[in-house]
């Protein structure tokens, strides 16, 4: 019997579940998951050893399977003002990597105040 695992079905498992259930959710053999855990190759979720039993947090499964997609990075049409920290002694004429702006003064060495 093949079960369809929805987010609601995984959440209904409780805070943790066992390895055979995780294997069913991923559609692989439980021995494959046990072998990966034993070899230290299982990186999909945390593994909680509780005595002789291994438990998998369902929160990790939900985060892995139903993670929100990252928002696309949009570059503004008009660059914003540069707000980089200024170093009091030395400025250079090289453009900043993040915004491409060039500082107004080029390679000026200023004395420290009070010196």
PDB file of N, CA and C in Angstrom:
ATOM      1  N   UNK A   1       0.839  -1.173   0.000  1.00  0.00           N
ATOM      2  CA  UNK A   1       0.000   0.000   0.000  1.00  0.00           C
ATOM      3  C   UNK A   1       0.884   1.236   0.000  1.00  0.00           C
ATOM      4  N   UNK A   2       0.668   2.136  -0.925  1.00  0.00           N
ATOM      5  CA  UNK A   2       1.478   3.339  -1.016  1.00  0.00           C
ATOM      6  C   UNK A   2       0.673   4.516  -0.487  1.00  0.00           C
ATOM      7  N   UNK A   3       1.250   5.219   0.471  1.00  0.00           N
ATOM      8  CA  UNK A   3       0.576   6.367   1.075  1.00  0.00           C
ATOM      9  C   UNK A   3       1.091   7.644   0.434  1.00  0.00           C
ATOM     10  N   UNK A   4       0.194   8.604   0.294  1.00  0.00           N
ATOM     11  CA  UNK A   4       0.594   9.913  -0.192  1.00  0.00           C
ATOM     12  C   UNK A   4       0.878  10.778   1.023  1.00  0.00           C
ATOM     13  N   UNK A   5       2.086  11.258   1.123  1.00  0.00           N
ATOM     14  CA  UNK A   5       2.485  12.042   2.274  1.00  0.00           C
ATOM     15  C   UNK A   5       2.313  13.521   1.976  1.00  0.00           C
ATOM     16  N   UNK A   6       1.356  14.128   2.640  1.00  0.00           N
ATOM     17  CA  UNK A   6       1.140  15.562   2.520  1.00  0.00           C
ATOM     18  C   UNK A   6       1.746  16.244   3.741  1.00  0.00           C
ATOM     19  N   UNK A   7       1.805  17.547   3.691  1.00  0.00           N
ATOM     20  CA  UNK A   7       2.313  18.301   4.835  1.00  0.00           C
ATOM     21  C   UNK A   7       1.480  18.015   6.080  1.00  0.00           C
ATOM     22  N   UNK A   8       0.175  17.961   5.905  1.00  0.00           N
ATOM     23  CA  UNK A   8      -0.713  17.703   7.041  1.00  0.00           C
ATOM     24  C   UNK A   8      -0.479  16.315   7.623  1.00  0.00           C
ATOM     25  N   UNK A   9      -0.230  15.336   6.758  1.00  0.00           N
ATOM     26  CA  UNK A   9       0.019  13.972   7.230  1.00  0.00           C
ATOM     27  C   UNK A   9       1.330  13.891   8.007  1.00  0.00           C
ATOM     28  N   UNK A  10       2.339  14.623   7.565  1.00  0.00           N
ATOM     29  CA  UNK A  10       3.628  14.621   8.267  1.00  0.00           C
ATOM     30  C   UNK A  10       3.487  15.346   9.601  1.00  0.00           C
ATOM     31  N   UNK A  11       2.775  16.475   9.617  1.00  0.00           N
ATOM     32  CA  UNK A  11       2.564  17.203  10.869  1.00  0.00           C
ATOM     33  C   UNK A  11       1.787  16.368  11.883  1.00  0.00           C
ATOM     34  N   UNK A  12       0.884  15.516  11.387  1.00  0.00           N
ATOM     35  CA  UNK A  12       0.078  14.673  12.273  1.00  0.00           C
ATOM     36  C   UNK A  12       0.894  13.567  12.939  1.00  0.00           C
ATOM     37  N   UNK A  13       2.125  13.343  12.490  1.00  0.00           N
ATOM     38  CA  UNK A  13       2.969  12.305  13.095  1.00  0.00           C
ATOM     39  C   UNK A  13       3.419  12.673  14.501  1.00  0.00           C
ATOM     40  N   UNK A  14       3.362  13.943  14.856  1.00  0.00           N
ATOM     41  CA  UNK A  14       3.844  14.382  16.154  1.00  0.00           C
ATOM     42  C   UNK A  14       5.205  15.029  16.025  1.00  0.00           C
ATOM     43  N   UNK A  15       5.873  15.259  17.149  1.00  0.00           N
ATOM     44  CA  UNK A  15       7.154  15.963  17.100  1.00  0.00           C
ATOM     45  C   UNK A  15       8.282  15.172  16.445  1.00  0.00           C
ATOM     46  N   UNK A  16       8.253  13.853  16.566  1.00  0.00           N
ATOM     47  CA  UNK A  16       9.280  13.016  15.939  1.00  0.00           C
ATOM     48  C   UNK A  16       8.624  11.815  15.284  1.00  0.00           C
ATOM     49  N   UNK A  17       9.403  11.183  14.411  1.00  0.00           N
ATOM     50  CA  UNK A  17       8.943   9.951  13.781  1.00  0.00           C
ATOM     51  C   UNK A  17      10.116   8.995  13.675  1.00  0.00           C
ATOM     52  N   UNK A  18       9.842   7.779  13.222  1.00  0.00           N
ATOM     53  CA  UNK A  18      10.904   6.770  13.147  1.00  0.00           C
ATOM     54  C   UNK A  18      11.470   6.685  11.732  1.00  0.00           C
ATOM     55  N   UNK A  19      12.546   5.951  11.610  1.00  0.00           N
ATOM     56  CA  UNK A  19      13.252   5.835  10.332  1.00  0.00           C
ATOM     57  C   UNK A  19      12.402   5.158   9.256  1.00  0.00           C
ATOM     58  N   UNK A  20      11.666   4.066   9.547  1.00  0.00           N
ATOM     59  CA  UNK A  20      10.842   3.477   8.484  1.00  0.00           C
ATOM     60  C   UNK A  20       9.811   4.454   7.905  1.00  0.00           C
ATOM     61  N   UNK A  21       9.253   5.318   8.751  1.00  0.00           N
ATOM     62  CA  UNK A  21       8.289   6.308   8.253  1.00  0.00           C
ATOM     63  C   UNK A  21       8.983   7.340   7.381  1.00  0.00           C
ATOM     64  N   UNK A  22      10.172   7.786   7.790  1.00  0.00           N
ATOM     65  CA  UNK A  22      10.944   8.735   6.982  1.00  0.00           C
ATOM     66  C   UNK A  22      11.282   8.115   5.629  1.00  0.00           C
ATOM     67  N   UNK A  23      11.654   6.848   5.632  1.00  0.00           N
ATOM     68  CA  UNK A  23      11.964   6.161   4.381  1.00  0.00           C
ATOM     69  C   UNK A  23      10.730   6.109   3.473  1.00  0.00           C
ATOM     70  N   UNK A  24       9.565   5.878   4.064  1.00  0.00           N
ATOM     71  CA  UNK A  24       8.329   5.855   3.274  1.00  0.00           C
ATOM     72  C   UNK A  24       8.018   7.228   2.705  1.00  0.00           C
ATOM     73  N   UNK A  25       8.270   8.275   3.482  1.00  0.00           N
ATOM     74  CA  UNK A  25       8.020   9.635   3.002  1.00  0.00           C
ATOM     75  C   UNK A  25       8.912   9.945   1.807  1.00  0.00           C
ATOM     76  N   UNK A  26      10.188   9.543   1.876  1.00  0.00           N
ATOM     77  CA  UNK A  26      11.123   9.788   0.778  1.00  0.00           C
ATOM     78  C   UNK A  26      11.007   8.764  -0.347  1.00  0.00           C
ATOM     79  N   UNK A  27      10.294   7.687  -0.109  1.00  0.00           N
ATOM     80  CA  UNK A  27      10.114   6.665  -1.135  1.00  0.00           C
ATOM     81  C   UNK A  27      11.335   5.800  -1.348  1.00  0.00           C
ATOM     82  N   UNK A  28      12.086   5.548  -0.255  1.00  0.00           N
ATOM     83  CA  UNK A  28      13.264   4.684  -0.337  1.00  0.00           C
ATOM     84  C   UNK A  28      13.127   3.560   0.684  1.00  0.00           C
ATOM     85  N   UNK A  29      14.010   2.595   0.586  1.00  0.00           N
ATOM     86  CA  UNK A  29      14.019   1.478   1.526  1.00  0.00           C
ATOM     87  C   UNK A  29      14.555   1.947   2.871  1.00  0.00           C
ATOM     88  N   UNK A  30      13.973   1.446   3.962  1.00  0.00           N
ATOM     89  CA  UNK A  30      14.413   1.857   5.301  1.00  0.00           C
ATOM     90  C   UNK A  30      15.866   1.471   5.557  1.00  0.00           C
ATOM     91  N   UNK A  31      16.332   0.364   4.962  1.00  0.00           N
ATOM     92  CA  UNK A  31      17.717  -0.045   5.146  1.00  0.00           C
ATOM     93  C   UNK A  31      18.688   0.975   4.537  1.00  0.00           C
ATOM     94  N   UNK A  32      18.262   1.639   3.479  1.00  0.00           N
ATOM     95  CA  UNK A  32      19.084   2.681   2.861  1.00  0.00           C
ATOM     96  C   UNK A  32      19.275   3.844   3.833  1.00  0.00           C
ATOM     97  N   UNK A  33      18.198   4.261   4.486  1.00  0.00           N
ATOM     98  CA  UNK A  33      18.277   5.372   5.434  1.00  0.00           C
ATOM     99  C   UNK A  33      19.115   4.959   6.645  1.00  0.00           C
ATOM    100  N   UNK A  34      18.875   3.760   7.178  1.00  0.00           N
ATOM    101  CA  UNK A  34      19.673   3.286   8.313  1.00  0.00           C
ATOM    102  C   UNK A  34      21.165   3.249   7.955  1.00  0.00           C
ATOM    103  N   UNK A  35      21.489   2.780   6.753  1.00  0.00           N
ATOM    104  CA  UNK A  35      22.894   2.690   6.336  1.00  0.00           C
ATOM    105  C   UNK A  35      23.519   4.074   6.227  1.00  0.00           C
ATOM    106  N   UNK A  36      22.790   5.041   5.681  1.00  0.00           N
ATOM    107  CA  UNK A  36      23.326   6.398   5.583  1.00  0.00           C
ATOM    108  C   UNK A  36      23.547   7.010   6.970  1.00  0.00           C
ATOM    109  N   UNK A  37      22.631   6.764   7.878  1.00  0.00           N
ATOM    110  CA  UNK A  37      22.792   7.283   9.242  1.00  0.00           C
ATOM    111  C   UNK A  37      24.012   6.646   9.894  1.00  0.00           C
ATOM    112  N   UNK A  38      24.163   5.354   9.742  1.00  0.00           N
ATOM    113  CA  UNK A  38      25.281   4.625  10.348  1.00  0.00           C
ATOM    114  C   UNK A  38      26.629   5.112   9.807  1.00  0.00           C
ATOM    115  N   UNK A  39      26.687   5.422   8.507  1.00  0.00           N
ATOM    116  CA  UNK A  39      27.936   5.889   7.894  1.00  0.00           C
ATOM    117  C   UNK A  39      28.150   7.393   8.066  1.00  0.00           C
ATOM    118  N   UNK A  40      27.192   8.083   8.665  1.00  0.00           N
ATOM    119  CA  UNK A  40      27.314   9.525   8.854  1.00  0.00           C
ATOM    120  C   UNK A  40      27.031  10.314   7.594  1.00  0.00           C
ATOM    121  N   UNK A  41      26.351   9.729   6.630  1.00  0.00           N
ATOM    122  CA  UNK A  41      26.062  10.381   5.359  1.00  0.00           C
ATOM    123  C   UNK A  41      24.674  11.016   5.318  1.00  0.00           C
ATOM    124  N   UNK A  42      23.850  10.788   6.331  1.00  0.00           N
ATOM    125  CA  UNK A  42      22.494  11.324   6.343  1.00  0.00           C
ATOM    126  C   UNK A  42      22.550  12.784   6.766  1.00  0.00           C
ATOM    127  N   UNK A  43      22.280  13.685   5.828  1.00  0.00           N
ATOM    128  CA  UNK A  43      22.327  15.111   6.116  1.00  0.00           C
ATOM    129  C   UNK A  43      20.983  15.793   5.904  1.00  0.00           C
ATOM    130  N   UNK A  44      19.963  15.039   5.546  1.00  0.00           N
ATOM    131  CA  UNK A  44      18.664  15.631   5.248  1.00  0.00           C
ATOM    132  C   UNK A  44      17.996  16.196   6.494  1.00  0.00           C
ATOM    133  N   UNK A  45      18.154  15.529   7.620  1.00  0.00           N
ATOM    134  CA  UNK A  45      17.527  15.952   8.873  1.00  0.00           C
ATOM    135  C   UNK A  45      18.456  15.637  10.027  1.00  0.00           C
ATOM    136  N   UNK A  46      18.071  16.118  11.187  1.00  0.00           N
ATOM    137  CA  UNK A  46      18.786  15.697  12.397  1.00  0.00           C
ATOM    138  C   UNK A  46      18.350  14.279  12.745  1.00  0.00           C
ATOM    139  N   UNK A  47      19.198  13.569  13.449  1.00  0.00           N
ATOM    140  CA  UNK A  47      18.876  12.224  13.928  1.00  0.00           C
ATOM    141  C   UNK A  47      19.043  12.256  15.439  1.00  0.00           C
ATOM    142  N   UNK A  48      17.984  11.880  16.146  1.00  0.00           N
ATOM    143  CA  UNK A  48      18.003  11.889  17.600  1.00  0.00           C
ATOM    144  C   UNK A  48      18.080  10.459  18.116  1.00  0.00           C
ATOM    145  N   UNK A  49      19.239  10.030  18.609  1.00  0.00           N
ATOM    146  CA  UNK A  49      19.319   8.682  19.171  1.00  0.00           C
ATOM    147  C   UNK A  49      18.693   8.674  20.567  1.00  0.00           C
ATOM    148  N   UNK A  50      17.675   7.880  20.735  1.00  0.00           N
ATOM    149  CA  UNK A  50      17.008   7.724  22.022  1.00  0.00           C
ATOM    150  C   UNK A  50      17.114   6.259  22.433  1.00  0.00           C
ATOM    151  N   UNK A  51      18.164   5.965  23.191  1.00  0.00           N
ATOM    152  CA  UNK A  51      18.430   4.567  23.529  1.00  0.00           C
ATOM    153  C   UNK A  51      18.820   3.819  22.273  1.00  0.00           C
ATOM    154  N   UNK A  52      18.086   2.740  21.987  1.00  0.00           N
ATOM    155  CA  UNK A  52      18.351   1.972  20.767  1.00  0.00           C
ATOM    156  C   UNK A  52      17.532   2.455  19.589  1.00  0.00           C
ATOM    157  N   UNK A  53      16.653   3.425  19.813  1.00  0.00           N
ATOM    158  CA  UNK A  53      15.794   3.924  18.742  1.00  0.00           C
ATOM    159  C   UNK A  53      16.371   5.207  18.154  1.00  0.00           C
ATOM    160  N   UNK A  54      16.100   5.399  16.891  1.00  0.00           N
ATOM    161  CA  UNK A  54      16.485   6.631  16.205  1.00  0.00           C
ATOM    162  C   UNK A  54      15.215   7.382  15.852  1.00  0.00           C
ATOM    163  N   UNK A  55      15.155   8.637  16.235  1.00  0.00           N
ATOM    164  CA  UNK A  55      13.988   9.461  15.936  1.00  0.00           C
ATOM    165  C   UNK A  55      14.406  10.617  15.043  1.00  0.00           C
ATOM    166  N   UNK A  56      13.502  11.002  14.164  1.00  0.00           N
ATOM    167  CA  UNK A  56      13.720  12.097  13.231  1.00  0.00           C
ATOM    168  C   UNK A  56      12.685  13.179  13.550  1.00  0.00           C
ATOM    169  N   UNK A  57      13.128  14.421  13.782  1.00  0.00           N
ATOM    170  CA  UNK A  57      12.166  15.502  14.038  1.00  0.00           C
ATOM    171  C   UNK A  57      11.314  15.790  12.804  1.00  0.00           C
ATOM    172  N   UNK A  58      10.001  15.802  12.989  1.00  0.00           N
ATOM    173  CA  UNK A  58       9.118  16.084  11.853  1.00  0.00           C
ATOM    174  C   UNK A  58       9.275  17.526  11.383  1.00  0.00           C
ATOM    175  N   UNK A  59       9.678  18.418  12.272  1.00  0.00           N
ATOM    176  CA  UNK A  59       9.923  19.810  11.880  1.00  0.00           C
ATOM    177  C   UNK A  59      11.009  19.873  10.804  1.00  0.00           C
ATOM    178  N   UNK A  60      12.031  19.025  10.937  1.00  0.00           N
ATOM    179  CA  UNK A  60      13.098  18.991   9.936  1.00  0.00           C
ATOM    180  C   UNK A  60      12.568  18.508   8.584  1.00  0.00           C
ATOM    181  N   UNK A  61      11.684  17.510   8.611  1.00  0.00           N
ATOM    182  CA  UNK A  61      11.102  16.994   7.364  1.00  0.00           C
ATOM    183  C   UNK A  61      10.266  18.072   6.676  1.00  0.00           C
ATOM    184  N   UNK A  62       9.464  18.775   7.459  1.00  0.00           N
ATOM    185  CA  UNK A  62       8.609  19.815   6.892  1.00  0.00           C
ATOM    186  C   UNK A  62       9.461  20.943   6.322  1.00  0.00           C
ATOM    187  N   UNK A  63      10.504  21.335   7.042  1.00  0.00           N
ATOM    188  CA  UNK A  63      11.386  22.403   6.552  1.00  0.00           C
ATOM    189  C   UNK A  63      12.085  21.979   5.264  1.00  0.00           C
ATOM    190  N   UNK A  64      12.467  20.713   5.175  1.00  0.00           N
ATOM    191  CA  UNK A  64      13.158  20.219   3.984  1.00  0.00           C
ATOM    192  C   UNK A  64      12.217  20.112   2.789  1.00  0.00           C
ATOM    193  N   UNK A  65      11.038  19.555   3.014  1.00  0.00           N
ATOM    194  CA  UNK A  65      10.126  19.278   1.909  1.00  0.00           C
ATOM    195  C   UNK A  65       9.259  20.464   1.516  1.00  0.00           C
ATOM    196  N   UNK A  66       8.962  21.332   2.465  1.00  0.00           N
ATOM    197  CA  UNK A  66       8.024  22.420   2.188  1.00  0.00           C
ATOM    198  C   UNK A  66       8.614  23.784   2.513  1.00  0.00           C
ATOM    199  N   UNK A  67       9.900  23.939   2.302  1.00  0.00           N
ATOM    200  CA  UNK A  67      10.557  25.212   2.582  1.00  0.00           C
ATOM    201  C   UNK A  67      10.029  26.273   1.627  1.00  0.00           C
ATOM    202  N   UNK A  68       9.832  27.492   2.134  1.00  0.00           N
ATOM    203  CA  UNK A  68       9.385  28.544   1.229  1.00  0.00           C
ATOM    204  C   UNK A  68      10.482  28.878   0.230  1.00  0.00           C
ATOM    205  N   UNK A  69      10.067  29.194  -0.970  1.00  0.00           N
ATOM    206  CA  UNK A  69      11.042  29.536  -2.001  1.00  0.00           C
ATOM    207  C   UNK A  69      11.591  30.925  -1.709  1.00  0.00           C
ATOM    208  N   UNK A  70      12.901  31.113  -1.898  1.00  0.00           N
ATOM    209  CA  UNK A  70      13.473  32.430  -1.615  1.00  0.00           C
ATOM    210  C   UNK A  70      12.944  33.472  -2.597  1.00  0.00           C
ATOM    211  N   UNK A  71      12.776  34.690  -2.086  1.00  0.00           N
ATOM    212  CA  UNK A  71      12.311  35.789  -2.936  1.00  0.00           C
ATOM    213  C   UNK A  71      13.397  36.124  -3.951  1.00  0.00           C
ATOM    214  N   UNK A  72      13.012  36.414  -5.178  1.00  0.00           N
ATOM    215  CA  UNK A  72      14.026  36.742  -6.185  1.00  0.00           C
ATOM    216  C   UNK A  72      14.719  38.055  -5.833  1.00  0.00           C
ATOM    217  N   UNK A  73      16.013  38.109  -6.107  1.00  0.00           N
ATOM    218  CA  UNK A  73      16.791  39.311  -5.877  1.00  0.00           C
ATOM    219  C   UNK A  73      16.554  40.267  -7.043  1.00  0.00           C
ATOM    220  N   UNK A  74      16.089  41.458  -6.725  1.00  0.00           N
ATOM    221  CA  UNK A  74      15.813  42.451  -7.751  1.00  0.00           C
ATOM    222  C   UNK A  74      16.792  43.599  -7.582  1.00  0.00           C
ATOM    223  N   UNK A  75      17.510  43.924  -8.650  1.00  0.00           N
ATOM    224  CA  UNK A  75      18.420  45.060  -8.625  1.00  0.00           C
ATOM    225  C   UNK A  75      17.630  46.319  -8.940  1.00  0.00           C
ATOM    226  N   UNK A  76      17.798  47.369  -8.144  1.00  0.00           N
ATOM    227  CA  UNK A  76      17.042  48.590  -8.416  1.00  0.00           C
ATOM    228  C   UNK A  76      17.479  49.217  -9.740  1.00  0.00           C
ATOM    229  N   UNK A  77      16.539  49.871 -10.406  1.00  0.00           N
ATOM    230  CA  UNK A  77      16.845  50.520 -11.679  1.00  0.00           C
ATOM    231  C   UNK A  77      17.799  51.689 -11.468  1.00  0.00           C
ATOM    232  N   UNK A  78      17.636  52.396 -10.359  1.00  0.00           N
ATOM    233  CA  UNK A  78      18.504  53.516 -10.038  1.00  0.00           C
ATOM    234  C   UNK A  78      19.276  53.143  -8.783  1.00  0.00           C
ATOM    235  N   UNK A  79      20.607  53.163  -8.838  1.00  0.00           N
ATOM    236  CA  UNK A  79      21.362  52.771  -7.653  1.00  0.00           C
ATOM    237  C   UNK A  79      21.101  53.732  -6.501  1.00  0.00           C
ATOM    238  N   UNK A  80      21.081  53.190  -5.297  1.00  0.00           N
ATOM    239  CA  UNK A  80      20.867  54.008  -4.117  1.00  0.00           C
ATOM    240  C   UNK A  80      22.163  54.690  -3.710  1.00  0.00           C
ATOM    241  N   UNK A  81      22.048  55.641  -2.821  1.00  0.00           N
ATOM    242  CA  UNK A  81      23.221  56.326  -2.309  1.00  0.00           C
ATOM    243  C   UNK A  81      24.127  55.310  -1.625  1.00  0.00           C
ATOM    244  N   UNK A  82      25.402  55.512  -1.741  1.00  0.00           N
ATOM    245  CA  UNK A  82      26.371  54.623  -1.110  1.00  0.00           C
ATOM    246  C   UNK A  82      26.453  54.949   0.374  1.00  0.00           C
ATOM    247  N   UNK A  83      26.296  53.956   1.217  1.00  0.00           N
ATOM    248  CA  UNK A  83      26.348  54.152   2.666  1.00  0.00           C
ATOM    249  C   UNK A  83      27.414  53.261   3.279  1.00  0.00           C
ATOM    250  N   UNK A  84      28.585  53.242   2.688  1.00  0.00           N
ATOM    251  CA  UNK A  84      29.662  52.414   3.199  1.00  0.00           C
ATOM    252  C   UNK A  84      30.371  53.135   4.335  1.00  0.00           C
ATOM    253  N   UNK A  85      30.885  52.392   5.302  1.00  0.00           N
ATOM    254  CA  UNK A  85      31.631  53.046   6.371  1.00  0.00           C
ATOM    255  C   UNK A  85      32.920  53.644   5.818  1.00  0.00           C
ATOM    256  N   UNK A  86      33.250  54.821   6.295  1.00  0.00           N
ATOM    257  CA  UNK A  86      34.476  55.464   5.839  1.00  0.00           C
ATOM    258  C   UNK A  86      35.569  55.226   6.861  1.00  0.00           C
ATOM    259  N   UNK A  87      36.762  54.993   6.363  1.00  0.00           N
ATOM    260  CA  UNK A  87      37.911  54.845   7.239  1.00  0.00           C
ATOM    261  C   UNK A  87      38.557  56.225   7.365  1.00  0.00           C
ATOM    262  N   UNK A  88      38.850  56.689   8.563  1.00  0.00           N
ATOM    263  CA  UNK A  88      39.300  58.063   8.736  1.00  0.00           C
ATOM    264  C   UNK A  88      40.664  58.368   8.136  1.00  0.00           C
ATOM    265  N   UNK A  89      41.501  57.374   7.912  1.00  0.00           N
ATOM    266  CA  UNK A  89      42.849  57.664   7.448  1.00  0.00           C
ATOM    267  C   UNK A  89      43.041  57.491   5.950  1.00  0.00           C
ATOM    268  N   UNK A  90      42.511  56.421   5.370  1.00  0.00           N
ATOM    269  CA  UNK A  90      42.832  56.114   3.982  1.00  0.00           C
ATOM    270  C   UNK A  90      41.547  55.878   3.202  1.00  0.00           C
ATOM    271  N   UNK A  91      41.469  56.492   2.044  1.00  0.00           N
ATOM    272  CA  UNK A  91      40.406  56.179   1.099  1.00  0.00           C
ATOM    273  C   UNK A  91      41.072  55.802  -0.209  1.00  0.00           C
ATOM    274  N   UNK A  92      40.407  54.994  -0.989  1.00  0.00           N
ATOM    275  CA  UNK A  92      40.990  54.568  -2.262  1.00  0.00           C
ATOM    276  C   UNK A  92      40.065  54.935  -3.406  1.00  0.00           C
ATOM    277  N   UNK A  93      40.559  54.833  -4.607  1.00  0.00           N
ATOM    278  CA  UNK A  93      39.750  55.163  -5.777  1.00  0.00           C
ATOM    279  C   UNK A  93      39.140  53.916  -6.413  1.00  0.00           C
ATOM    280  N   UNK A  94      39.293  52.768  -5.780  1.00  0.00           N
ATOM    281  CA  UNK A  94      38.734  51.548  -6.363  1.00  0.00           C
ATOM    282  C   UNK A  94      37.240  51.490  -6.073  1.00  0.00           C
ATOM    283  N   UNK A  95      36.429  51.050  -7.029  1.00  0.00           N
ATOM    284  CA  UNK A  95      34.989  50.972  -6.810  1.00  0.00           C
ATOM    285  C   UNK A  95      34.660  49.905  -5.769  1.00  0.00           C
ATOM    286  N   UNK A  96      33.596  50.142  -5.041  1.00  0.00           N
ATOM    287  CA  UNK A  96      33.130  49.146  -4.084  1.00  0.00           C
ATOM    288  C   UNK A  96      32.531  47.977  -4.854  1.00  0.00           C
ATOM    289  N   UNK A  97      32.754  46.770  -4.360  1.00  0.00           N
ATOM    290  CA  UNK A  97      32.299  45.576  -5.063  1.00  0.00           C
ATOM    291  C   UNK A  97      30.779  45.470  -5.065  1.00  0.00           C
ATOM    292  N   UNK A  98      30.117  45.880  -4.004  1.00  0.00           N
ATOM    293  CA  UNK A  98      28.679  45.668  -3.907  1.00  0.00           C
ATOM    294  C   UNK A  98      27.863  46.676  -4.705  1.00  0.00           C
ATOM    295  N   UNK A  99      28.324  47.959  -4.765  1.00  0.00           N
ATOM    296  CA  UNK A  99      27.504  48.963  -5.440  1.00  0.00           C
ATOM    297  C   UNK A  99      28.184  49.590  -6.646  1.00  0.00           C
ATOM    298  N   UNK A 100      29.498  49.463  -6.761  1.00  0.00           N
ATOM    299  CA  UNK A 100      30.201  50.004  -7.906  1.00  0.00           C
ATOM    300  C   UNK A 100      30.533  51.470  -7.801  1.00  0.00           C
ATOM    301  N   UNK A 101      30.229  52.097  -6.653  1.00  0.00           N
ATOM    302  CA  UNK A 101      30.530  53.524  -6.526  1.00  0.00           C
ATOM    303  C   UNK A 101      32.027  53.733  -6.310  1.00  0.00           C
ATOM    304  N   UNK A 102      32.488  54.916  -6.624  1.00  0.00           N
ATOM    305  CA  UNK A 102      33.883  55.273  -6.422  1.00  0.00           C
ATOM    306  C   UNK A 102      33.929  56.435  -5.439  1.00  0.00           C
ATOM    307  N   UNK A 103      34.699  56.329  -4.376  1.00  0.00           N
ATOM    308  CA  UNK A 103      34.795  57.432  -3.429  1.00  0.00           C
ATOM    309  C   UNK A 103      35.288  58.696  -4.121  1.00  0.00           C
ATOM    310  N   UNK A 104      34.845  59.852  -3.634  1.00  0.00           N
ATOM    311  CA  UNK A 104      35.172  61.127  -4.267  1.00  0.00           C
ATOM    312  C   UNK A 104      36.668  61.421  -4.219  1.00  0.00           C
ATOM    313  N   UNK A 105      37.292  61.191  -3.093  1.00  0.00           N
ATOM    314  CA  UNK A 105      38.724  61.459  -2.977  1.00  0.00           C
ATOM    315  C   UNK A 105      39.476  60.187  -3.327  1.00  0.00           C
ATOM    316  N   UNK A 106      40.631  60.333  -3.970  1.00  0.00           N
ATOM    317  CA  UNK A 106      41.351  59.127  -4.341  1.00  0.00           C
ATOM    318  C   UNK A 106      42.673  59.038  -3.606  1.00  0.00           C
ATOM    319  N   UNK A 107      42.869  57.968  -2.904  1.00  0.00           N
ATOM    320  CA  UNK A 107      44.107  57.612  -2.222  1.00  0.00           C
ATOM    321  C   UNK A 107      44.660  58.766  -1.407  1.00  0.00           C
ATOM    322  N   UNK A 108      43.843  59.329  -0.550  1.00  0.00           N
ATOM    323  CA  UNK A 108      44.278  60.427   0.295  1.00  0.00           C
ATOM    324  C   UNK A 108      44.572  59.864   1.686  1.00  0.00           C
ATOM    325  N   UNK A 109      45.720  60.188   2.219  1.00  0.00           N
ATOM    326  CA  UNK A 109      46.071  59.786   3.566  1.00  0.00           C
ATOM    327  C   UNK A 109      45.890  61.005   4.455  1.00  0.00           C
ATOM    328  N   UNK A 110      45.020  60.859   5.436  1.00  0.00           N
ATOM    329  CA  UNK A 110      44.717  61.968   6.327  1.00  0.00           C
ATOM    330  C   UNK A 110      45.382  61.713   7.681  1.00  0.00           C
ATOM    331  N   UNK A 111      45.880  62.759   8.303  1.00  0.00           N
ATOM    332  CA  UNK A 111      46.446  62.584   9.649  1.00  0.00           C
ATOM    333  C   UNK A 111      45.337  62.378  10.664  1.00  0.00           C
ATOM    334  N   UNK A 112      45.660  61.648  11.722  1.00  0.00           N
ATOM    335  CA  UNK A 112      44.705  61.452  12.815  1.00  0.00           C
ATOM    336  C   UNK A 112      44.514  62.765  13.545  1.00  0.00           C
ATOM    337  N   UNK A 113      43.346  62.953  14.101  1.00  0.00           N
ATOM    338  CA  UNK A 113      43.099  64.159  14.886  1.00  0.00           C
ATOM    339  C   UNK A 113      43.957  64.142  16.146  1.00  0.00           C
ATOM    340  N   UNK A 114      44.454  65.272  16.507  1.00  0.00           N
ATOM    341  CA  UNK A 114      45.244  65.390  17.719  1.00  0.00           C
ATOM    342  C   UNK A 114      46.662  64.887  17.562  1.00  0.00           C
ATOM    343  N   UNK A 115      47.075  64.549  16.368  1.00  0.00           N
ATOM    344  CA  UNK A 115      48.435  64.044  16.187  1.00  0.00           C
ATOM    345  C   UNK A 115      49.337  65.110  15.661  1.00  0.00           C
TER     346      UNK A 115
END
